[in-house]
C-alpha atoms as a PDB file:
ATOM      1  CA  MET A   1      21.418 -14.898  27.915  1.00  0.00           C
ATOM      2  CA  ALA A   2      22.657 -13.772  30.624  1.00  0.00           C
ATOM      3  CA  GLN A   3      26.188 -15.180  31.209  1.00  0.00           C
ATOM      4  CA  ASN A   4      26.337 -13.875  27.606  1.00  0.00           C
ATOM      5  CA  PHE A   5      24.620 -10.257  27.385  1.00  0.00           C
ATOM      6  CA  GLU A   6      27.704  -8.376  27.723  1.00  0.00           C
ATOM      7  CA  GLN A   7      29.068 -10.464  24.542  1.00  0.00           C
ATOM      8  CA  ASN A   8      24.979  -9.975  22.763  1.00  0.00           C
ATOM      9  CA  THR A   9      24.820  -6.263  23.619  1.00  0.00           C
ATOM     10  CA  SER A  10      26.543  -5.312  19.608  1.00  0.00           C
ATOM     11  CA  VAL A  11      24.396  -7.899  18.152  1.00  0.00           C
ATOM     12  CA  ILE A  12      21.479  -6.549  19.805  1.00  0.00           C
ATOM     13  CA  ASP A  13      21.923  -3.141  19.042  1.00  0.00           C
ATOM     14  CA  SER A  14      22.155  -4.481  15.578  1.00  0.00           C
ATOM     15  CA  ILE A  15      19.181  -5.306  15.766  1.00  0.00           C
ATOM     16  CA  HIS A  16      18.112  -2.114  17.040  1.00  0.00           C
ATOM     17  CA  ALA A  17      19.805   0.064  14.337  1.00  0.00           C
ATOM     18  CA  ALA A  18      18.324  -2.458  11.913  1.00  0.00           C
ATOM     19  CA  LEU A  19      14.236  -1.772  13.179  1.00  0.00           C
ATOM     20  CA  GLN A  20      15.544   2.055  13.570  1.00  0.00           C
ATOM     21  CA  LYS A  21      15.901   1.547   9.471  1.00  0.00           C
ATOM     22  CA  LEU A  22      13.233   0.114   8.837  1.00  0.00           C
ATOM     23  CA  THR A  23      10.345   2.401  10.788  1.00  0.00           C
ATOM     24  CA  GLY A  24      12.498   5.188   9.085  1.00  0.00           C
ATOM     25  CA  LEU A  25      12.225   3.866   5.439  1.00  0.00           C
ATOM     26  CA  HIS A  26       8.457   3.303   6.543  1.00  0.00           C
ATOM     27  CA  ARG A  27       8.075   6.595   7.478  1.00  0.00           C
ATOM     28  CA  GLN A  28       9.076   7.428   3.754  1.00  0.00           C
ATOM     29  CA  LEU A  29       6.726   4.838   2.197  1.00  0.00           C
ATOM     30  CA  MET A  30       3.833   5.733   4.773  1.00  0.00           C
ATOM     31  CA  GLU A  31       4.492   9.670   2.994  1.00  0.00           C
ATOM     32  CA  THR A  32       4.828   8.073  -0.833  1.00  0.00           C
ATOM     33  CA  VAL A  33       1.159   6.948  -0.213  1.00  0.00           C
ATOM     34  CA  ARG A  34       0.145   9.955   0.928  1.00  0.00           C
ATOM     35  CA  MET A  35       1.888  11.291  -1.998  1.00  0.00           C
ATOM     36  CA  GLU A  36       0.513   8.711  -3.685  1.00  0.00           C
ATOM     37  CA  ARG A  37      -3.366   9.238  -2.762  1.00  0.00           C
ATOM     38  CA  GLU A  38      -3.147  13.145  -3.372  1.00  0.00           C
ATOM     39  CA  ALA A  39      -1.754  12.292  -7.006  1.00  0.00           C
ATOM     40  CA  LEU A  40      -4.802  10.330  -7.468  1.00  0.00           C
ATOM     41  CA  VAL A  41      -7.813  12.247  -6.653  1.00  0.00           C
ATOM     42  CA  ALA A  42      -5.798  15.161  -8.877  1.00  0.00           C
ATOM     43  CA  ALA A  43      -5.543  12.790 -11.420  1.00  0.00           C
ATOM     44  CA  ASP A  44      -2.146  13.285 -12.045  1.00  0.00           C
ATOM     45  CA  ILE A  45      -0.378  11.037 -13.877  1.00  0.00           C
ATOM     46  CA  ARG A  46       2.758  12.142 -13.462  1.00  0.00           C
ATOM     47  CA  ARG A  47       2.727  12.787  -9.460  1.00  0.00           C
ATOM     48  CA  ILE A  48       0.810   8.858  -9.573  1.00  0.00           C
ATOM     49  CA  GLU A  49       3.693   7.180 -11.547  1.00  0.00           C
ATOM     50  CA  GLU A  50       6.470   8.568  -9.367  1.00  0.00           C
ATOM     51  CA  ALA A  51       4.660   7.465  -6.404  1.00  0.00           C
ATOM     52  CA  THR A  52       4.574   4.559  -7.771  1.00  0.00           C
ATOM     53  CA  VAL A  53       8.581   4.335  -8.419  1.00  0.00           C
ATOM     54  CA  ALA A  54       9.513   5.652  -5.651  1.00  0.00           C
ATOM     55  CA  LYS A  55       6.872   2.868  -3.312  1.00  0.00           C
ATOM     56  CA  GLN A  56       8.712  -0.199  -5.196  1.00  0.00           C
ATOM     57  CA  ALA A  57      12.606   1.403  -4.241  1.00  0.00           C
ATOM     58  CA  LEU A  58      11.339   1.817  -1.144  1.00  0.00           C
ATOM     59  CA  VAL A  59       9.687  -1.883  -0.493  1.00  0.00           C
ATOM     60  CA  GLU A  60      13.126  -3.429  -1.939  1.00  0.00           C
ATOM     61  CA  ALA A  61      14.803  -0.976   0.204  1.00  0.00           C
ATOM     62  CA  ILE A  62      13.154  -2.365   3.291  1.00  0.00           C
ATOM     63  CA  ARG A  63      12.974  -6.252   1.928  1.00  0.00           C
ATOM     64  CA  GLN A  64      16.754  -5.591   2.052  1.00  0.00           C
ATOM     65  CA  ALA A  65      16.543  -3.771   5.374  1.00  0.00           C
ATOM     66  CA  GLU A  66      14.375  -6.745   6.925  1.00  0.00           C
ATOM     67  CA  SER A  67      17.344  -9.150   6.021  1.00  0.00           C
ATOM     68  CA  ARG A  68      19.939  -7.631   7.696  1.00  0.00           C
ATOM     69  CA  ARG A  69      17.322  -7.746  10.239  1.00  0.00           C
ATOM     70  CA  ILE A  70      16.741 -11.569  10.559  1.00  0.00           C
ATOM     71  CA  GLY A  71      20.550 -11.840   9.927  1.00  0.00           C
ATOM     72  CA  HIS A  72      21.514 -10.398  12.875  1.00  0.00           C
ATOM     73  CA  VAL A  73      18.272 -12.148  15.033  1.00  0.00           C
ATOM     74  CA  ALA A  74      20.245 -15.572  13.491  1.00  0.00           C
ATOM     75  CA  GLU A  75      23.201 -14.317  14.186  1.00  0.00           C
ATOM     76  CA  LEU A  76      22.231 -14.033  18.002  1.00  0.00           C
ATOM     77  CA  ALA A  77      20.563 -17.254  17.669  1.00  0.00           C
ATOM     78  CA  VAL A  78      24.046 -18.851  16.608  1.00  0.00           C
ATOM     79  CA  ILE A  79      24.975 -17.361  20.164  1.00  0.00           C
ATOM     80  CA  LEU A  80      21.911 -18.355  22.558  1.00  0.00           C
ATOM     81  CA  ARG A  81      22.274 -21.801  21.232  1.00  0.00           C
ATOM     82  CA  LYS A  82      18.274 -21.181  20.170  1.00  0.00           C
ATOM     83  CA  PRO A  83      16.363 -21.813  17.410  1.00  0.00           C
ATOM     84  CA  VAL A  84      15.260 -18.437  15.246  1.00  0.00           C
ATOM     85  CA  ARG A  85      11.876 -19.199  14.898  1.00  0.00           C
ATOM     86  CA  GLU A  86      11.899 -18.103  19.150  1.00  0.00           C
ATOM     87  CA  LEU A  87      13.901 -15.532  19.069  1.00  0.00           C
ATOM     88  CA  THR A  88      10.441 -13.245  18.261  1.00  0.00           C
ATOM     89  CA  LEU A  89      11.445  -9.708  18.483  1.00  0.00           C
ATOM     90  CA  PRO A  90       8.501  -9.618  21.411  1.00  0.00           C
ATOM     91  CA  ALA A  91      10.776 -12.337  23.064  1.00  0.00           C
ATOM     92  CA  ILE A  92      14.241 -10.247  22.823  1.00  0.00           C
ATOM     93  CA  ILE A  93      12.827  -7.721  24.590  1.00  0.00           C
ATOM     94  CA  ILE A  94      11.436 -10.265  27.402  1.00  0.00           C
ATOM     95  CA  GLN A  95      15.243 -11.439  27.141  1.00  0.00           C
ATOM     96  CA  VAL A  96      16.884  -7.899  27.322  1.00  0.00           C
ATOM     97  CA  GLN A  97      14.310  -6.841  30.199  1.00  0.00           C
ATOM     98  CA  GLY A  98      15.956  -8.284  33.353  1.00  0.00           C
ATOM     99  CA  HIS A  99      19.470  -7.312  31.982  1.00  0.00           C
ATOM    100  CA  ASP A 100      18.943  -3.747  30.111  1.00  0.00           C
ATOM    101  CA  ALA A 101      15.224  -2.293  31.329  1.00  0.00           C
ATOM    102  CA  LYS A 102      16.711   1.092  28.442  1.00  0.00           C
ATOM    103  CA  ARG A 103      17.691  -1.360  25.304  1.00  0.00           C
ATOM    104  CA  ALA A 104      14.964  -3.399  25.945  1.00  0.00           C
ATOM    105  CA  GLU A 105      12.657  -0.138  26.285  1.00  0.00           C
ATOM    106  CA  GLN A 106      14.353   1.203  22.678  1.00  0.00           C
ATOM    107  CA  LEU A 107      13.436  -1.529  21.112  1.00  0.00           C
ATOM    108  CA  ARG A 108       9.979  -1.940  22.257  1.00  0.00           C
ATOM    109  CA  SER A 109       9.691   1.437  21.014  1.00  0.00           C
ATOM    110  CA  ALA A 110      10.492   1.174  17.616  1.00  0.00           C
ATOM    111  CA  PHE A 111       9.078  -2.582  17.100  1.00  0.00           C
ATOM    112  CA  ASN A 112       5.661  -0.364  17.903  1.00  0.00           C
ATOM    113  CA  ALA A 113       6.683   2.524  15.708  1.00  0.00           C
ATOM    114  CA  LEU A 114       7.071   0.048  13.021  1.00  0.00           C
ATOM    115  CA  THR A 115       3.899  -1.802  13.670  1.00  0.00           C
ATOM    116  CA  LEU A 116       1.645   0.929  13.600  1.00  0.00           C
ATOM    117  CA  LEU A 117       3.181   2.653  10.933  1.00  0.00           C
ATOM    118  CA  ILE A 118       2.660  -0.869   9.521  1.00  0.00           C
ATOM    119  CA  LYS A 119      -1.136  -0.858  10.294  1.00  0.00           C
ATOM    120  CA  ARG A 120      -1.512   2.562   8.718  1.00  0.00           C
ATOM    121  CA  ILE A 121       0.367   2.284   5.664  1.00  0.00           C
ATOM    122  CA  ALA A 122      -1.575  -0.791   4.810  1.00  0.00           C
ATOM    123  CA  GLU A 123      -4.183   1.459   6.280  1.00  0.00           C
ATOM    124  CA  GLN A 124      -3.784   4.018   3.184  1.00  0.00           C
ATOM    125  CA  ASN A 125      -2.825   1.664   0.900  1.00  0.00           C
ATOM    126  CA  THR A 126      -6.388   0.433   1.007  1.00  0.00           C
ATOM    127  CA  SER A 127      -7.851   3.206   0.493  1.00  0.00           C
ATOM    128  CA  ASN A 128      -5.942   3.804  -2.083  1.00  0.00           C
ATOM    129  CA  GLN A 129      -7.197   0.935  -3.756  1.00  0.00           C
ATOM    130  CA  ARG A 130     -11.185   1.899  -3.199  1.00  0.00           C
ATOM    131  CA  LEU A 131     -10.697   5.248  -4.723  1.00  0.00           C
ATOM    132  CA  VAL A 132      -9.200   3.326  -8.096  1.00  0.00           C
ATOM    133  CA  GLU A 133     -11.205   0.964  -7.712  1.00  0.00           C
ATOM    134  CA  GLU A 134     -14.989   3.595  -7.595  1.00  0.00           C
ATOM    135  CA  SER A 135     -12.627   5.847 -10.521  1.00  0.00           C
ATOM    136  CA  LEU A 136     -13.251   3.077 -12.938  1.00  0.00           C
ATOM    137  CA  MET A 137     -16.464   1.932 -11.877  1.00  0.00           C
ATOM    138  CA  HIS A 138     -17.755   5.595 -12.671  1.00  0.00           C
ATOM    139  CA  VAL A 139     -15.232   5.490 -16.337  1.00  0.00           C
ATOM    140  CA  GLN A 140     -16.474   2.191 -17.079  1.00  0.00           C
ATOM    141  CA  GLN A 141     -20.130   4.106 -16.124  1.00  0.00           C
ATOM    142  CA  MET A 142     -19.249   7.040 -17.932  1.00  0.00           C
ATOM    143  CA  LYS A 143     -18.257   4.862 -21.144  1.00  0.00           C
ATOM    144  CA  GLY A 144     -21.300   3.157 -20.961  1.00  0.00           C
ATOM    145  CA  ASN A 145     -23.860   6.945 -20.841  1.00  0.00           C
ATOM    146  CA  VAL A 146     -22.067   7.443 -23.846  1.00  0.00           C
ATOM    147  CA  LEU A 147     -21.859   4.560 -26.431  1.00  0.00           C
ATOM    148  CA  GLY A 148     -25.229   3.890 -25.003  1.00  0.00           C
ATOM    149  CA  GLU A 149     -26.050   8.170 -26.368  1.00  0.00           C
ATOM    150  CA  THR A 150     -23.950   6.732 -29.355  1.00  0.00           C
ATOM    151  CA  THR A 151     -26.467   3.818 -30.051  1.00  0.00           C
ATOM    152  CA  PRO A 152     -29.839   4.632 -31.865  1.00  0.00           C
ATOM    153  CA  LYS A 153     -32.484   5.146 -29.746  1.00  0.00           C
ATOM    154  CA  ALA A 154     -36.176   3.934 -31.257  1.00  0.00           C
ATOM    155  CA  ASN A 155     -37.455   7.345 -29.010  1.00  0.00           C
ATOM    156  CA  THR A 156     -34.992   9.961 -31.775  1.00  0.00           C
ATOM    157  CA  TYR A 157     -34.413  10.782 -35.081  1.00  0.00           C
ATOM    158  CA  THR A 158     -32.322  10.025 -37.801  1.00  0.00           C
ATOM    159  CA  ALA A 159     -30.555  12.725 -40.452  1.00  0.00           C
ATOM    160  CA  LYS A 160     -32.948  12.336 -42.570  1.00  0.00           C
ATOM    161  CA  GLY A 161     -35.892  13.459 -40.076  1.00  0.00           C
ATOM    162  CA  GLN A 162     -36.700  10.023 -39.644  1.00  0.00           C
ATOM    163  CA  ARG A 163     -37.629   8.156 -36.236  1.00  0.00           C
ATOM    164  CA  SER A 164     -34.796   5.713 -35.703  1.00  0.00           C
ATOM    165  CA  GLY A 165     -35.972   2.296 -35.140  1.00  0.00           C
ATOM    166  CA  ALA A 166     -39.670   3.265 -36.522  1.00  0.00           C
ATOM    167  CA  GLN A 167     -41.369   0.479 -38.918  1.00  0.00           C
ATOM    168  CA  PRO A 168     -40.564   1.700 -42.839  1.00  0.00           C
ATOM    169  CA  GLY A 169     -43.530   3.623 -43.930  1.00  0.00           C
ATOM    170  CA  ALA A 170     -44.448   4.862 -40.847  1.00  0.00           C
ATOM    171  CA  ARG A 171     -45.402   9.012 -42.030  1.00  0.00           C
ATOM    172  CA  LEU A 172     -45.633  11.360 -39.541  1.00  0.00           C
ATOM    173  CA  PHE A 173     -47.719  13.694 -41.594  1.00  0.00           C
ATOM    174  CA  SER A 174     -49.835  11.265 -44.196  1.00  0.00           C
ATOM    175  CA  LYS A 175     -49.422  12.234 -48.220  1.00  0.00           C
ATOM    176  CA  GLU A 176     -53.335  12.245 -48.591  1.00  0.00           C
ATOM    177  CA  ALA A 177     -54.491  15.655 -48.156  1.00  0.00           C
END
């Protein structure tokens, strides 16, 4: 890489720009996931739907940006005559560090920020999923309670004043007197 470093700087800068774009998109996704949480807690259907649509759009934008980043890494792999799988971001950072500490630090910083954002987004999504699942459990329990109340029980009375579930002919008062 030493002999080609000067011609690689534009590709490395392109990789850094792609990482910056990914970081920005992940920050937006983090904010959207937080907004989704607030909408779930408030049971605001409109805001939940908006968050879902926004998340889908951001995930698609992230896929496109990641595809461009992979394209830049593939370009660097061709220049360096190395397999793409060997050019992980940490490996690129290590190679760049020997020639340009500032660029290496920029790449490392972007990589660390992106890694942290991805971790926090995954945690928030898991938390949101648990909230939805717990809410569904409560709804199922409430449904069971409501449906359980609508079926006659042995200790309740019918509209005619008879105990439901009581044997026919059983009376509260005897006709004999």
